[in-house]
Amino acid sequence: MSFEECSKILENVSRVIVGKESSIELILVGLLAEGHVLIDDVPGLGKTLLAKSLARSMGGLFKRVQFTPDLLPADITGFNVYDQKSGRFVFHPGPIMSNVLLADEINRTIPRTQSSLLESMQERQVTVDGRTYPLEAPFFVLATQNPIELEGTFPLPEAQLDRFLLKIRLGYPNREQEIAILERFQEHDPLEDLQPVSSPSALIRLQQERRKIRLARSVKAYITDLTGATRNDPALRFGSSPRGAIALMRACQAFAFLRGRDYVLPDDVKQLLEPVLAHRLILTEEAQLSGITCKHVLRDILSRVAL
């Protein structure tokens, strides 16, 4: 039954998004694992449309923030306003008070504003003027960004990147997929007719069921060996932290859940290693000059770390 509920969300989003089933599935992995997802790709590939389609399919309270250079932390978290009638300050919640927050083009704003999301993403709460407000569950940040080499962008701080469970790319559609996109959007926008197929309470239940997915001790050891290998790789200045290992474990549980299994396979770990860990690693200057990427390093580690 749980697998069928997840399939409904996947099928519903696919009514709008063409040929990106694997990307949609990874976003669902992030949601079920109680993490957050960063979509990194060039403009025009449907990042925002995918985020809107998923948020509408999930139901619940949805908010969208367009990140710009002049955006302030209070524009996201909310702020206190003095009420003359009552003689006290009243909290006006920001868009962070939602089930699904679409942080659109998150790297278009300054690091100070980017960092205002840290507490919310990690601890599911927001603190304004010394008072802490809990966020409603489920709370899911789906952020989009354009590559940092484009003008007018600010690289995300390492601490901010580490709060994203997954970082994915969509890529260009092939010829047949692009023809299908033209046909689908020829007369109207299919997003306008999209209806919710889930609810916040259903998603909370699915997240709780995900936690019960079993991992054999050998699979846990495999995850530990892989993350440990990143700390000793000569191409890396900083490897994966224990938070990265936990993120990989939870993502594998969610992936197995979507596959209808109650246990994690080593192949799940291999498939999710790059989207979970690549954005958490920092290369040495020598490796960067040599054209080595974090994905190259992880593929090399996979080839030499035995089960």
C-alpha atoms as a PDB file:
ATOM      1  CA  MET A   1       0.000   0.000   0.000  1.00  0.00           C
ATOM      2  CA  SER A   2       2.809   2.421   0.886  1.00  0.00           C
ATOM      3  CA  PHE A   3       4.572   1.661  -2.378  1.00  0.00           C
ATOM      4  CA  GLU A   4       1.333   2.418  -4.240  1.00  0.00           C
ATOM      5  CA  GLU A   5       1.000   5.800  -2.501  1.00  0.00           C
ATOM      6  CA  CYS A   6       4.527   6.759  -3.567  1.00  0.00           C
ATOM      7  CA  SER A   7       3.795   5.571  -7.110  1.00  0.00           C
ATOM      8  CA  LYS A   8       0.767   7.879  -7.242  1.00  0.00           C
ATOM      9  CA  ILE A   9       2.967  10.901  -6.510  1.00  0.00           C
ATOM     10  CA  LEU A  10       5.504   9.814  -9.136  1.00  0.00           C
ATOM     11  CA  GLU A  11       2.813   9.274 -11.757  1.00  0.00           C
ATOM     12  CA  ASN A  12       1.099  12.561 -10.936  1.00  0.00           C
ATOM     13  CA  VAL A  13       4.275  14.606 -11.322  1.00  0.00           C
ATOM     14  CA  SER A  14       5.031  12.763 -14.581  1.00  0.00           C
ATOM     15  CA  ARG A  15       1.794  14.165 -15.988  1.00  0.00           C
ATOM     16  CA  VAL A  16       3.608  17.507 -16.137  1.00  0.00           C
ATOM     17  CA  ILE A  17       7.302  16.583 -16.306  1.00  0.00           C
ATOM     18  CA  VAL A  18       8.451  14.517 -19.299  1.00  0.00           C
ATOM     19  CA  GLY A  19      11.189  11.888 -19.101  1.00  0.00           C
ATOM     20  CA  LYS A  20      12.584  12.726 -15.648  1.00  0.00           C
ATOM     21  CA  GLU A  21      11.286   9.749 -13.660  1.00  0.00           C
ATOM     22  CA  SER A  22      14.685   9.037 -12.076  1.00  0.00           C
ATOM     23  CA  SER A  23      15.010  12.668 -10.906  1.00  0.00           C
ATOM     24  CA  ILE A  24      11.486  12.656  -9.477  1.00  0.00           C
ATOM     25  CA  GLU A  25      12.273   9.403  -7.696  1.00  0.00           C
ATOM     26  CA  LEU A  26      15.389  10.926  -6.116  1.00  0.00           C
ATOM     27  CA  ILE A  27      13.346  13.876  -4.866  1.00  0.00           C
ATOM     28  CA  LEU A  28      10.894  11.423  -3.297  1.00  0.00           C
ATOM     29  CA  VAL A  29      13.893   9.699  -1.690  1.00  0.00           C
ATOM     30  CA  GLY A  30      14.798  13.031  -0.090  1.00  0.00           C
ATOM     31  CA  LEU A  31      11.260  13.586   1.124  1.00  0.00           C
ATOM     32  CA  LEU A  32      10.861  10.089   2.610  1.00  0.00           C
ATOM     33  CA  ALA A  33      14.290  10.305   4.244  1.00  0.00           C
ATOM     34  CA  GLU A  34      13.205  13.550   5.965  1.00  0.00           C
ATOM     35  CA  GLY A  35      15.894  15.489   4.133  1.00  0.00           C
ATOM     36  CA  HIS A  36      16.014  18.287   1.590  1.00  0.00           C
ATOM     37  CA  VAL A  37      16.930  18.340  -2.100  1.00  0.00           C
ATOM     38  CA  LEU A  38      18.946  20.761  -4.229  1.00  0.00           C
ATOM     39  CA  ILE A  39      18.369  20.750  -7.993  1.00  0.00           C
ATOM     40  CA  ASP A  40      21.400  22.191  -9.768  1.00  0.00           C
ATOM     41  CA  ASP A  41      21.209  22.837 -13.497  1.00  0.00           C
ATOM     42  CA  VAL A  42      21.130  25.488 -16.204  1.00  0.00           C
ATOM     43  CA  PRO A  43      17.994  27.632 -16.710  1.00  0.00           C
ATOM     44  CA  GLY A  44      15.059  26.385 -18.746  1.00  0.00           C
ATOM     45  CA  LEU A  45      15.157  22.672 -17.905  1.00  0.00           C
ATOM     46  CA  GLY A  46      12.035  22.657 -15.737  1.00  0.00           C
ATOM     47  CA  LYS A  47      13.539  22.838 -12.230  1.00  0.00           C
ATOM     48  CA  THR A  48      10.873  25.195 -10.901  1.00  0.00           C
ATOM     49  CA  LEU A  49       8.090  23.374 -12.753  1.00  0.00           C
ATOM     50  CA  LEU A  50       9.213  20.072 -11.244  1.00  0.00           C
ATOM     51  CA  ALA A  51       9.268  21.581  -7.767  1.00  0.00           C
ATOM     52  CA  LYS A  52       5.785  23.071  -8.180  1.00  0.00           C
ATOM     53  CA  SER A  53       4.402  19.801  -9.567  1.00  0.00           C
ATOM     54  CA  LEU A  54       5.764  17.778  -6.672  1.00  0.00           C
ATOM     55  CA  ALA A  55       4.564  20.281  -4.078  1.00  0.00           C
ATOM     56  CA  ARG A  56       1.058  20.299  -5.558  1.00  0.00           C
ATOM     57  CA  SER A  57       0.992  16.493  -5.677  1.00  0.00           C
ATOM     58  CA  MET A  58       1.993  16.284  -2.020  1.00  0.00           C
ATOM     59  CA  GLY A  59      -0.726  18.625  -0.784  1.00  0.00           C
ATOM     60  CA  GLY A  60      -0.231  20.646   2.380  1.00  0.00           C
ATOM     61  CA  LEU A  61       0.931  24.236   2.711  1.00  0.00           C
ATOM     62  CA  PHE A  62       3.217  25.325  -0.127  1.00  0.00           C
ATOM     63  CA  LYS A  63       5.302  28.509  -0.219  1.00  0.00           C
ATOM     64  CA  ARG A  64       7.718  29.777  -2.851  1.00  0.00           C
ATOM     65  CA  VAL A  65      10.549  32.249  -2.312  1.00  0.00           C
ATOM     66  CA  GLN A  66      12.339  33.815  -5.265  1.00  0.00           C
ATOM     67  CA  PHE A  67      15.862  34.388  -3.984  1.00  0.00           C
ATOM     68  CA  THR A  68      17.338  37.734  -5.076  1.00  0.00           C
ATOM     69  CA  PRO A  69      20.418  39.735  -3.968  1.00  0.00           C
ATOM     70  CA  ASP A  70      18.296  42.079  -1.829  1.00  0.00           C
ATOM     71  CA  LEU A  71      16.438  39.297   0.032  1.00  0.00           C
ATOM     72  CA  LEU A  72      16.856  39.500   3.830  1.00  0.00           C
ATOM     73  CA  PRO A  73      16.726  36.667   6.415  1.00  0.00           C
ATOM     74  CA  ALA A  74      13.532  38.129   7.896  1.00  0.00           C
ATOM     75  CA  ASP A  75      11.868  37.768   4.488  1.00  0.00           C
ATOM     76  CA  ILE A  76      12.191  34.008   4.961  1.00  0.00           C
ATOM     77  CA  THR A  77      11.915  33.404   8.709  1.00  0.00           C
ATOM     78  CA  GLY A  78       9.389  36.127   9.583  1.00  0.00           C
ATOM     79  CA  PHE A  79       9.628  39.121  11.920  1.00  0.00           C
ATOM     80  CA  ASN A  80       8.044  40.784  14.966  1.00  0.00           C
ATOM     81  CA  VAL A  81       5.877  43.888  14.608  1.00  0.00           C
ATOM     82  CA  TYR A  82       4.805  46.080  17.512  1.00  0.00           C
ATOM     83  CA  ASP A  83       1.030  46.134  17.949  1.00  0.00           C
ATOM     84  CA  GLN A  84      -0.043  49.445  19.503  1.00  0.00           C
ATOM     85  CA  LYS A  85      -3.461  48.113  20.567  1.00  0.00           C
ATOM     86  CA  SER A  86      -2.119  45.206  22.606  1.00  0.00           C
ATOM     87  CA  GLY A  87       1.133  46.886  23.545  1.00  0.00           C
ATOM     88  CA  ARG A  88       3.252  43.900  22.549  1.00  0.00           C
ATOM     89  CA  PHE A  89       5.167  42.523  19.616  1.00  0.00           C
ATOM     90  CA  VAL A  90       3.316  40.142  17.281  1.00  0.00           C
ATOM     91  CA  PHE A  91       5.135  37.551  15.193  1.00  0.00           C
ATOM     92  CA  HIS A  92       4.420  37.588  11.471  1.00  0.00           C
ATOM     93  CA  PRO A  93       5.531  34.207  10.119  1.00  0.00           C
ATOM     94  CA  GLY A  94       7.553  34.058   6.931  1.00  0.00           C
ATOM     95  CA  PRO A  95       7.267  31.526   4.101  1.00  0.00           C
ATOM     96  CA  ILE A  96       9.435  29.112   6.096  1.00  0.00           C
ATOM     97  CA  MET A  97       6.243  28.238   7.978  1.00  0.00           C
ATOM     98  CA  SER A  98       5.075  25.725   5.389  1.00  0.00           C
ATOM     99  CA  ASN A  99       5.159  22.019   4.570  1.00  0.00           C
ATOM    100  CA  VAL A 100       6.958  22.531   1.277  1.00  0.00           C
ATOM    101  CA  LEU A 101       9.266  25.488   0.684  1.00  0.00           C
ATOM    102  CA  LEU A 102      10.453  26.075  -2.851  1.00  0.00           C
ATOM    103  CA  ALA A 103      13.697  28.058  -2.579  1.00  0.00           C
ATOM    104  CA  ASP A 104      13.936  29.174  -6.179  1.00  0.00           C
ATOM    105  CA  GLU A 105      17.416  30.106  -7.442  1.00  0.00           C
ATOM    106  CA  ILE A 106      18.838  29.924  -3.942  1.00  0.00           C
ATOM    107  CA  ASN A 107      22.305  30.944  -5.124  1.00  0.00           C
ATOM    108  CA  ARG A 108      21.007  34.313  -6.355  1.00  0.00           C
ATOM    109  CA  THR A 109      21.066  35.743  -2.830  1.00  0.00           C
ATOM    110  CA  ILE A 110      23.878  36.609  -0.437  1.00  0.00           C
ATOM    111  CA  PRO A 111      25.359  33.948   1.918  1.00  0.00           C
ATOM    112  CA  ARG A 112      23.884  35.665   5.001  1.00  0.00           C
ATOM    113  CA  THR A 113      20.369  35.093   3.684  1.00  0.00           C
ATOM    114  CA  GLN A 114      21.208  31.587   2.481  1.00  0.00           C
ATOM    115  CA  SER A 115      22.380  30.723   5.985  1.00  0.00           C
ATOM    116  CA  SER A 116      19.045  31.772   7.489  1.00  0.00           C
ATOM    117  CA  LEU A 117      17.736  28.395   6.361  1.00  0.00           C
ATOM    118  CA  LEU A 118      20.305  26.382   8.336  1.00  0.00           C
ATOM    119  CA  GLU A 119      18.389  26.102  11.615  1.00  0.00           C
ATOM    120  CA  SER A 120      15.110  25.341   9.869  1.00  0.00           C
ATOM    121  CA  MET A 121      16.567  22.617   7.640  1.00  0.00           C
ATOM    122  CA  GLN A 122      18.459  20.870  10.434  1.00  0.00           C
ATOM    123  CA  GLU A 123      16.290  21.351  13.526  1.00  0.00           C
ATOM    124  CA  ARG A 124      12.829  21.975  12.029  1.00  0.00           C
ATOM    125  CA  GLN A 125      12.472  25.230  13.923  1.00  0.00           C
ATOM    126  CA  VAL A 126      13.078  28.942  13.460  1.00  0.00           C
ATOM    127  CA  THR A 127      14.327  31.460  16.025  1.00  0.00           C
ATOM    128  CA  VAL A 128      13.328  35.122  15.746  1.00  0.00           C
ATOM    129  CA  ASP A 129      14.399  37.696  18.361  1.00  0.00           C
ATOM    130  CA  GLY A 130      15.324  34.970  20.829  1.00  0.00           C
ATOM    131  CA  ARG A 131      12.051  33.043  20.570  1.00  0.00           C
ATOM    132  CA  THR A 132      11.881  29.626  18.900  1.00  0.00           C
ATOM    133  CA  TYR A 133       8.952  28.516  16.751  1.00  0.00           C
ATOM    134  CA  PRO A 134       8.605  24.844  15.706  1.00  0.00           C
ATOM    135  CA  LEU A 135       7.842  24.050  12.072  1.00  0.00           C
ATOM    136  CA  GLU A 136       4.959  21.815  11.109  1.00  0.00           C
ATOM    137  CA  ALA A 137       5.743  18.322   9.861  1.00  0.00           C
ATOM    138  CA  PRO A 138       6.505  17.377   7.232  1.00  0.00           C
ATOM    139  CA  PHE A 139       8.899  20.191   6.384  1.00  0.00           C
ATOM    140  CA  PHE A 140      10.668  19.848   3.052  1.00  0.00           C
ATOM    141  CA  VAL A 141      12.956  22.345   1.294  1.00  0.00           C
ATOM    142  CA  LEU A 142      13.239  21.870  -2.437  1.00  0.00           C
ATOM    143  CA  ALA A 143      15.818  24.344  -3.719  1.00  0.00           C
ATOM    144  CA  THR A 144      16.903  25.150  -7.248  1.00  0.00           C
ATOM    145  CA  GLN A 145      20.074  26.841  -8.356  1.00  0.00           C
ATOM    146  CA  ASN A 146      21.903  27.768 -11.518  1.00  0.00           C
ATOM    147  CA  PRO A 147      25.564  26.764 -11.859  1.00  0.00           C
ATOM    148  CA  ILE A 148      27.852  29.118  -9.969  1.00  0.00           C
ATOM    149  CA  GLU A 149      29.832  30.040 -13.073  1.00  0.00           C
ATOM    150  CA  LEU A 150      26.893  32.129 -14.304  1.00  0.00           C
ATOM    151  CA  GLU A 151      26.907  35.849 -13.494  1.00  0.00           C
ATOM    152  CA  GLY A 152      25.032  37.176 -10.479  1.00  0.00           C
ATOM    153  CA  THR A 153      25.258  34.054  -8.332  1.00  0.00           C
ATOM    154  CA  PHE A 154      26.795  33.321  -4.911  1.00  0.00           C
ATOM    155  CA  PRO A 155      28.224  29.848  -4.140  1.00  0.00           C
ATOM    156  CA  LEU A 156      26.381  28.098  -1.329  1.00  0.00           C
ATOM    157  CA  PRO A 157      28.464  27.827   1.878  1.00  0.00           C
ATOM    158  CA  GLU A 158      29.697  24.327   2.720  1.00  0.00           C
ATOM    159  CA  ALA A 159      27.525  24.227   5.846  1.00  0.00           C
ATOM    160  CA  GLN A 160      24.466  25.028   3.754  1.00  0.00           C
ATOM    161  CA  LEU A 161      25.274  22.365   1.142  1.00  0.00           C
ATOM    162  CA  ASP A 162      25.724  19.779   3.888  1.00  0.00           C
ATOM    163  CA  ARG A 163      22.089  20.284   4.954  1.00  0.00           C
ATOM    164  CA  PHE A 164      20.850  19.007   1.588  1.00  0.00           C
ATOM    165  CA  LEU A 165      20.418  15.253   1.604  1.00  0.00           C
ATOM    166  CA  LEU A 166      20.709  15.082  -2.180  1.00  0.00           C
ATOM    167  CA  LYS A 167      22.017  17.258  -4.973  1.00  0.00           C
ATOM    168  CA  ILE A 168      20.747  16.261  -8.402  1.00  0.00           C
ATOM    169  CA  ARG A 169      20.765  17.448 -12.007  1.00  0.00           C
ATOM    170  CA  LEU A 170      18.026  17.124 -14.596  1.00  0.00           C
ATOM    171  CA  GLY A 171      19.975  17.277 -17.854  1.00  0.00           C
ATOM    172  CA  TYR A 172      18.668  18.065 -21.320  1.00  0.00           C
ATOM    173  CA  PRO A 173      15.798  15.992 -22.761  1.00  0.00           C
ATOM    174  CA  ASN A 174      16.440  13.781 -25.754  1.00  0.00           C
ATOM    175  CA  ARG A 175      14.760  14.423 -29.110  1.00  0.00           C
ATOM    176  CA  GLU A 176      11.626  12.363 -28.439  1.00  0.00           C
ATOM    177  CA  GLN A 177      11.211  13.807 -24.960  1.00  0.00           C
ATOM    178  CA  GLU A 178      11.458  17.365 -26.259  1.00  0.00           C
ATOM    179  CA  ILE A 179       8.815  16.661 -28.905  1.00  0.00           C
ATOM    180  CA  ALA A 180       6.592  15.259 -26.131  1.00  0.00           C
ATOM    181  CA  ILE A 181       7.160  18.447 -24.095  1.00  0.00           C
ATOM    182  CA  LEU A 182       6.061  20.605 -27.034  1.00  0.00           C
ATOM    183  CA  GLU A 183       2.921  18.500 -27.516  1.00  0.00           C
ATOM    184  CA  ARG A 184       2.075  18.537 -23.820  1.00  0.00           C
ATOM    185  CA  PHE A 185       2.384  22.312 -23.513  1.00  0.00           C
ATOM    186  CA  GLN A 186       0.960  23.218 -26.915  1.00  0.00           C
ATOM    187  CA  GLU A 187      -2.553  24.164 -25.804  1.00  0.00           C
ATOM    188  CA  HIS A 188      -2.305  24.672 -22.039  1.00  0.00           C
ATOM    189  CA  ASP A 189      -0.103  24.269 -18.967  1.00  0.00           C
ATOM    190  CA  PRO A 190      -0.747  20.799 -17.440  1.00  0.00           C
ATOM    191  CA  LEU A 191       0.283  22.134 -14.021  1.00  0.00           C
ATOM    192  CA  GLU A 192      -2.979  24.102 -13.867  1.00  0.00           C
ATOM    193  CA  ASP A 193      -5.009  20.882 -13.809  1.00  0.00           C
ATOM    194  CA  LEU A 194      -2.762  18.964 -11.412  1.00  0.00           C
ATOM    195  CA  GLN A 195      -4.502  17.845  -8.223  1.00  0.00           C
ATOM    196  CA  PRO A 196      -3.003  16.611  -4.898  1.00  0.00           C
ATOM    197  CA  VAL A 197      -2.733  12.834  -4.553  1.00  0.00           C
ATOM    198  CA  SER A 198      -1.321  12.799  -1.026  1.00  0.00           C
ATOM    199  CA  SER A 199      -1.456  14.771   2.224  1.00  0.00           C
ATOM    200  CA  PRO A 200       0.903  15.875   5.014  1.00  0.00           C
ATOM    201  CA  SER A 201      -0.429  13.223   7.409  1.00  0.00           C
ATOM    202  CA  ALA A 202       0.075  10.484   4.801  1.00  0.00           C
ATOM    203  CA  LEU A 203       3.639  11.643   4.179  1.00  0.00           C
ATOM    204  CA  ILE A 204       4.432  11.613   7.899  1.00  0.00           C
ATOM    205  CA  ARG A 205       3.229   8.014   8.047  1.00  0.00           C
ATOM    206  CA  LEU A 206       5.365   7.077   5.039  1.00  0.00           C
ATOM    207  CA  GLN A 207       8.407   8.684   6.654  1.00  0.00           C
ATOM    208  CA  GLN A 208       7.795   6.666   9.814  1.00  0.00           C
ATOM    209  CA  GLU A 209       7.538   3.454   7.797  1.00  0.00           C
ATOM    210  CA  ARG A 210      10.787   4.295   6.019  1.00  0.00           C
ATOM    211  CA  ARG A 211      12.629   4.281   9.340  1.00  0.00           C
ATOM    212  CA  LYS A 212      11.790   0.591   9.767  1.00  0.00           C
ATOM    213  CA  ILE A 213      13.638  -0.467   6.605  1.00  0.00           C
ATOM    214  CA  ARG A 214      16.352  -2.906   7.693  1.00  0.00           C
ATOM    215  CA  LEU A 215      20.092  -2.620   7.044  1.00  0.00           C
ATOM    216  CA  ALA A 216      22.330  -5.650   7.577  1.00  0.00           C
ATOM    217  CA  ARG A 217      25.488  -4.982   9.565  1.00  0.00           C
ATOM    218  CA  SER A 218      27.507  -5.696   6.395  1.00  0.00           C
ATOM    219  CA  VAL A 219      25.659  -2.896   4.561  1.00  0.00           C
ATOM    220  CA  LYS A 220      26.303  -0.481   7.435  1.00  0.00           C
ATOM    221  CA  ALA A 221      29.970  -1.480   7.326  1.00  0.00           C
ATOM    222  CA  TYR A 222      30.009  -0.847   3.560  1.00  0.00           C
ATOM    223  CA  ILE A 223      28.613   2.664   4.055  1.00  0.00           C
ATOM    224  CA  THR A 224      31.185   3.309   6.782  1.00  0.00           C
ATOM    225  CA  ASP A 225      34.061   2.066   4.624  1.00  0.00           C
ATOM    226  CA  LEU A 226      32.983   4.255   1.694  1.00  0.00           C
ATOM    227  CA  THR A 227      32.630   7.433   3.739  1.00  0.00           C
ATOM    228  CA  GLY A 228      35.853   6.635   5.586  1.00  0.00           C
ATOM    229  CA  ALA A 229      37.707   6.277   2.288  1.00  0.00           C
ATOM    230  CA  THR A 230      36.791   9.864   1.372  1.00  0.00           C
ATOM    231  CA  ARG A 231      38.687  11.116   4.420  1.00  0.00           C
ATOM    232  CA  ASN A 232      41.921   9.498   3.265  1.00  0.00           C
ATOM    233  CA  ASP A 233      41.721  10.196  -0.448  1.00  0.00           C
ATOM    234  CA  PRO A 234      44.656  12.359  -1.643  1.00  0.00           C
ATOM    235  CA  ALA A 235      42.401  14.304  -4.024  1.00  0.00           C
ATOM    236  CA  LEU A 236      40.169  15.525  -1.201  1.00  0.00           C
ATOM    237  CA  ARG A 237      40.902  18.252   1.313  1.00  0.00           C
ATOM    238  CA  PHE A 238      37.816  17.297   3.327  1.00  0.00           C
ATOM    239  CA  GLY A 239      35.929  14.021   3.098  1.00  0.00           C
ATOM    240  CA  SER A 240      32.479  13.009   4.278  1.00  0.00           C
ATOM    241  CA  SER A 241      31.457  13.655   7.866  1.00  0.00           C
ATOM    242  CA  PRO A 242      29.403  11.191   9.948  1.00  0.00           C
ATOM    243  CA  ARG A 243      26.384  13.290   8.917  1.00  0.00           C
ATOM    244  CA  GLY A 244      27.104  12.213   5.349  1.00  0.00           C
ATOM    245  CA  ALA A 245      27.110   8.558   6.387  1.00  0.00           C
ATOM    246  CA  ILE A 246      23.770   8.977   8.156  1.00  0.00           C
ATOM    247  CA  ALA A 247      22.362  10.761   5.103  1.00  0.00           C
ATOM    248  CA  LEU A 248      23.486   7.911   2.850  1.00  0.00           C
ATOM    249  CA  MET A 249      21.905   5.338   5.156  1.00  0.00           C
ATOM    250  CA  ARG A 250      18.568   7.169   5.281  1.00  0.00           C
ATOM    251  CA  ALA A 251      18.554   7.748   1.532  1.00  0.00           C
ATOM    252  CA  CYS A 252      19.167   4.037   0.954  1.00  0.00           C
ATOM    253  CA  GLN A 253      16.270   3.186   3.263  1.00  0.00           C
ATOM    254  CA  ALA A 254      13.988   5.502   1.294  1.00  0.00           C
ATOM    255  CA  PHE A 255      15.198   4.091  -2.026  1.00  0.00           C
ATOM    256  CA  ALA A 256      14.505   0.526  -0.880  1.00  0.00           C
ATOM    257  CA  PHE A 257      11.093   1.668   0.368  1.00  0.00           C
ATOM    258  CA  LEU A 258      10.247   3.058  -3.062  1.00  0.00           C
ATOM    259  CA  ARG A 259      11.308  -0.255  -4.568  1.00  0.00           C
ATOM    260  CA  GLY A 260       8.861  -2.106  -2.318  1.00  0.00           C
ATOM    261  CA  ARG A 261      11.562  -3.747  -0.184  1.00  0.00           C
ATOM    262  CA  ASP A 262      11.948  -3.773   3.592  1.00  0.00           C
ATOM    263  CA  TYR A 263      15.757  -4.101   3.415  1.00  0.00           C
ATOM    264  CA  VAL A 264      18.661  -2.208   1.828  1.00  0.00           C
ATOM    265  CA  LEU A 265      20.930  -3.773  -0.790  1.00  0.00           C
ATOM    266  CA  PRO A 266      24.576  -2.847  -1.461  1.00  0.00           C
ATOM    267  CA  ASP A 267      23.467  -1.788  -4.955  1.00  0.00           C
ATOM    268  CA  ASP A 268      21.269   0.872  -3.324  1.00  0.00           C
ATOM    269  CA  VAL A 269      24.370   2.301  -1.664  1.00  0.00           C
ATOM    270  CA  LYS A 270      26.276   2.334  -4.959  1.00  0.00           C
ATOM    271  CA  GLN A 271      23.446   4.086  -6.795  1.00  0.00           C
ATOM    272  CA  LEU A 272      23.005   6.832  -4.208  1.00  0.00           C
ATOM    273  CA  LEU A 273      26.650   7.461  -3.327  1.00  0.00           C
ATOM    274  CA  GLU A 274      27.160  10.334  -5.781  1.00  0.00           C
ATOM    275  CA  PRO A 275      23.929  12.322  -5.258  1.00  0.00           C
ATOM    276  CA  VAL A 276      24.304  12.041  -1.473  1.00  0.00           C
ATOM    277  CA  LEU A 277      28.034  12.620  -1.001  1.00  0.00           C
ATOM    278  CA  ALA A 278      29.468  14.493  -4.010  1.00  0.00           C
ATOM    279  CA  HIS A 279      28.328  17.947  -2.828  1.00  0.00           C
ATOM    280  CA  ARG A 280      29.726  17.330   0.683  1.00  0.00           C
ATOM    281  CA  LEU A 281      33.322  16.785  -0.444  1.00  0.00           C
ATOM    282  CA  ILE A 282      35.989  19.462  -0.969  1.00  0.00           C
ATOM    283  CA  LEU A 283      38.765  18.872  -3.465  1.00  0.00           C
ATOM    284  CA  THR A 284      42.373  19.916  -3.023  1.00  0.00           C
ATOM    285  CA  GLU A 285      43.605  22.767  -5.215  1.00  0.00           C
ATOM    286  CA  GLU A 286      45.845  20.356  -7.079  1.00  0.00           C
ATOM    287  CA  ALA A 287      42.923  18.066  -7.882  1.00  0.00           C
ATOM    288  CA  GLN A 288      40.838  20.993  -9.142  1.00  0.00           C
ATOM    289  CA  LEU A 289      43.660  22.163 -11.408  1.00  0.00           C
ATOM    290  CA  SER A 290      43.974  18.622 -12.749  1.00  0.00           C
ATOM    291  CA  GLY A 291      40.314  18.562 -13.737  1.00  0.00           C
ATOM    292  CA  ILE A 292      39.336  15.968 -11.141  1.00  0.00           C
ATOM    293  CA  THR A 293      35.767  16.174  -9.820  1.00  0.00           C
ATOM    294  CA  CYS A 294      34.171  14.796  -6.673  1.00  0.00           C
ATOM    295  CA  LYS A 295      32.214  12.358  -8.826  1.00  0.00           C
ATOM    296  CA  HIS A 296      35.484  11.010 -10.267  1.00  0.00           C
ATOM    297  CA  VAL A 297      36.794  10.499  -6.734  1.00  0.00           C
ATOM    298  CA  LEU A 298      33.659   8.664  -5.600  1.00  0.00           C
ATOM    299  CA  ARG A 299      33.702   6.381  -8.632  1.00  0.00           C
ATOM    300  CA  ASP A 300      37.316   5.531  -7.900  1.00  0.00           C
ATOM    301  CA  ILE A 301      36.471   4.806  -4.269  1.00  0.00           C
ATOM    302  CA  LEU A 302      33.618   2.533  -5.362  1.00  0.00           C
ATOM    303  CA  SER A 303      36.005   0.561  -7.546  1.00  0.00           C
ATOM    304  CA  ARG A 304      38.467  -0.119  -4.734  1.00  0.00           C
ATOM    305  CA  VAL A 305      36.335  -0.457  -1.597  1.00  0.00           C
ATOM    306  CA  ALA A 306      35.175  -4.074  -1.265  1.00  0.00           C
ATOM    307  CA  LEU A 307      31.856  -5.181   0.170  1.00  0.00           C
END
